[in-house]
């Protein structure tokens, strides 16, 4: 499967925290994270799984 765009709500989630999680999950890549209308859009090797989404939810402040 090729790289895809995915997204996650910005609510109480800092961009640097999201980038750190993505780096730990997928390796040291350029994820092209862009905040657009309250949502982070980013480029990753595969769509986030439900488990990964729950892990990101736990990173909110």
N, C-alpha and C. Protein backbone atom coordinates (compact mmCIF):
# COMPACT_ATOMS: atom_id res chain seq x y z
N UNK A 1 0.85 -1.18 0.00
CA UNK A 1 0.00 0.00 0.00
C UNK A 1 0.89 1.24 0.00
N UNK A 2 0.54 2.25 -0.80
CA UNK A 2 1.32 3.47 -0.89
C UNK A 2 0.98 4.47 0.20
N UNK A 3 1.71 5.56 0.19
CA UNK A 3 1.47 6.62 1.16
C UNK A 3 0.10 7.25 0.91
N UNK A 4 -0.54 7.68 2.00
CA UNK A 4 -1.89 8.25 1.94
C UNK A 4 -1.98 9.47 2.85
N UNK A 5 -2.93 10.34 2.57
CA UNK A 5 -3.25 11.41 3.50
C UNK A 5 -4.21 10.87 4.54
N UNK A 6 -3.99 11.27 5.78
CA UNK A 6 -4.92 10.96 6.86
C UNK A 6 -5.12 12.25 7.64
N UNK A 7 -5.99 12.23 8.60
CA UNK A 7 -6.27 13.44 9.36
C UNK A 7 -6.65 13.11 10.79
N UNK A 8 -6.50 14.14 11.65
CA UNK A 8 -6.86 13.99 13.05
C UNK A 8 -7.22 15.37 13.58
N UNK A 9 -8.23 15.45 14.43
CA UNK A 9 -8.68 16.74 14.98
C UNK A 9 -7.57 17.41 15.79
N UNK A 10 -7.47 18.73 15.65
CA UNK A 10 -6.47 19.50 16.37
C UNK A 10 -6.81 19.68 17.85
N UNK A 11 -8.05 19.49 18.22
CA UNK A 11 -8.52 19.80 19.57
C UNK A 11 -7.58 19.25 20.64
N UNK A 12 -6.94 20.18 21.38
CA UNK A 12 -6.07 19.85 22.51
C UNK A 12 -4.93 18.89 22.13
N UNK A 13 -4.44 19.01 20.90
CA UNK A 13 -3.33 18.19 20.44
C UNK A 13 -2.33 19.10 19.74
N UNK A 14 -1.14 19.21 20.32
CA UNK A 14 -0.11 20.05 19.71
C UNK A 14 0.51 19.34 18.51
N UNK A 15 0.91 20.11 17.53
CA UNK A 15 1.49 19.55 16.31
C UNK A 15 2.78 18.80 16.59
N UNK A 16 3.62 19.32 17.49
CA UNK A 16 4.88 18.64 17.79
C UNK A 16 4.65 17.28 18.45
N UNK A 17 3.60 17.16 19.24
CA UNK A 17 3.26 15.89 19.89
C UNK A 17 2.80 14.88 18.85
N UNK A 18 1.96 15.33 17.91
CA UNK A 18 1.51 14.46 16.83
C UNK A 18 2.69 14.01 15.98
N UNK A 19 3.58 14.93 15.63
CA UNK A 19 4.74 14.57 14.81
C UNK A 19 5.63 13.56 15.52
N UNK A 20 5.82 13.72 16.82
CA UNK A 20 6.62 12.76 17.59
C UNK A 20 5.99 11.38 17.53
N UNK A 21 4.68 11.31 17.71
CA UNK A 21 3.99 10.02 17.66
C UNK A 21 4.14 9.38 16.27
N UNK A 22 3.94 10.16 15.23
CA UNK A 22 4.06 9.63 13.87
C UNK A 22 5.48 9.13 13.60
N UNK A 23 6.47 9.86 14.08
CA UNK A 23 7.87 9.45 13.91
C UNK A 23 8.14 8.14 14.64
N UNK A 24 7.63 8.02 15.86
CA UNK A 24 7.81 6.78 16.62
C UNK A 24 7.09 5.61 15.96
N UNK A 25 5.97 5.88 15.30
CA UNK A 25 5.17 4.82 14.68
C UNK A 25 5.67 4.42 13.29
N UNK A 26 6.11 5.40 12.50
CA UNK A 26 6.42 5.14 11.10
C UNK A 26 7.87 5.41 10.71
N UNK A 27 8.66 5.95 11.61
CA UNK A 27 10.05 6.26 11.28
C UNK A 27 10.23 7.75 10.99
N UNK A 28 11.46 8.12 10.73
CA UNK A 28 11.81 9.53 10.54
C UNK A 28 11.55 9.96 9.09
N UNK A 29 10.34 10.41 8.82
CA UNK A 29 9.92 10.86 7.50
C UNK A 29 9.37 12.27 7.59
N UNK A 30 9.19 12.91 6.46
CA UNK A 30 8.49 14.19 6.39
C UNK A 30 7.01 13.89 6.22
N UNK A 31 6.22 14.21 7.22
CA UNK A 31 4.79 13.88 7.22
C UNK A 31 3.93 15.00 6.63
N UNK A 32 4.54 16.15 6.35
CA UNK A 32 3.82 17.27 5.76
C UNK A 32 2.54 17.59 6.53
N UNK A 33 2.67 17.74 7.85
CA UNK A 33 1.52 18.03 8.71
C UNK A 33 1.05 19.46 8.43
N UNK A 34 -0.24 19.60 8.15
CA UNK A 34 -0.82 20.92 7.90
C UNK A 34 -2.11 21.06 8.70
N UNK A 35 -2.19 22.12 9.52
CA UNK A 35 -3.45 22.38 10.23
C UNK A 35 -4.43 23.09 9.28
N UNK A 36 -5.58 22.48 9.05
CA UNK A 36 -6.59 23.04 8.16
C UNK A 36 -7.96 22.93 8.82
N UNK A 37 -8.57 24.08 9.11
CA UNK A 37 -9.93 24.11 9.67
C UNK A 37 -10.11 23.20 10.88
N UNK A 38 -9.19 23.27 11.84
CA UNK A 38 -9.33 22.49 13.06
C UNK A 38 -8.92 21.04 12.94
N UNK A 39 -8.29 20.69 11.83
CA UNK A 39 -7.86 19.30 11.61
C UNK A 39 -6.42 19.29 11.11
N UNK A 40 -5.62 18.38 11.65
CA UNK A 40 -4.29 18.15 11.09
C UNK A 40 -4.42 17.18 9.93
N UNK A 41 -3.87 17.54 8.80
CA UNK A 41 -3.80 16.62 7.66
C UNK A 41 -2.33 16.26 7.50
N UNK A 42 -2.05 14.99 7.25
CA UNK A 42 -0.66 14.55 7.16
C UNK A 42 -0.53 13.35 6.24
N UNK A 43 0.68 13.13 5.77
CA UNK A 43 1.04 12.12 4.78
C UNK A 43 1.73 10.97 5.51
N UNK A 44 1.17 9.76 5.47
CA UNK A 44 1.75 8.61 6.18
C UNK A 44 1.71 7.36 5.30
N UNK A 45 2.49 6.34 5.65
CA UNK A 45 2.56 5.12 4.82
C UNK A 45 1.25 4.35 4.72
N UNK A 46 0.39 4.45 5.73
CA UNK A 46 -0.91 3.76 5.70
C UNK A 46 -1.86 4.48 6.63
N UNK A 47 -3.14 4.31 6.41
CA UNK A 47 -4.14 4.95 7.27
C UNK A 47 -3.93 4.54 8.73
N UNK A 48 -4.23 5.44 9.65
CA UNK A 48 -4.15 5.12 11.06
C UNK A 48 -5.17 4.05 11.42
N UNK A 49 -4.74 3.10 12.23
CA UNK A 49 -5.67 2.08 12.72
C UNK A 49 -6.47 2.67 13.88
N UNK A 50 -7.52 1.98 14.28
CA UNK A 50 -8.31 2.42 15.43
C UNK A 50 -7.45 2.48 16.68
N UNK A 51 -6.56 1.52 16.84
CA UNK A 51 -5.66 1.50 18.00
C UNK A 51 -4.73 2.72 17.99
N UNK A 52 -4.20 3.07 16.84
CA UNK A 52 -3.33 4.24 16.73
C UNK A 52 -4.11 5.51 17.02
N UNK A 53 -5.33 5.59 16.55
CA UNK A 53 -6.17 6.76 16.83
C UNK A 53 -6.44 6.91 18.34
N UNK A 54 -6.69 5.79 19.01
CA UNK A 54 -6.90 5.84 20.47
C UNK A 54 -5.62 6.30 21.17
N UNK A 55 -4.47 5.86 20.69
CA UNK A 55 -3.20 6.27 21.29
C UNK A 55 -2.99 7.77 21.13
N UNK A 56 -3.34 8.32 19.98
CA UNK A 56 -3.21 9.76 19.77
C UNK A 56 -4.19 10.52 20.67
N UNK A 57 -5.39 10.01 20.83
CA UNK A 57 -6.36 10.65 21.74
C UNK A 57 -5.78 10.79 23.14
N UNK A 58 -5.04 9.80 23.59
CA UNK A 58 -4.45 9.83 24.94
C UNK A 58 -3.34 10.88 25.05
N UNK A 59 -2.84 11.38 23.93
CA UNK A 59 -1.77 12.38 23.95
C UNK A 59 -2.30 13.81 24.09
N UNK A 60 -3.60 13.99 24.03
CA UNK A 60 -4.16 15.33 24.17
C UNK A 60 -3.92 15.85 25.58
N UNK A 61 -3.72 17.19 25.68
CA UNK A 61 -3.50 17.78 27.00
C UNK A 61 -4.79 18.15 27.66
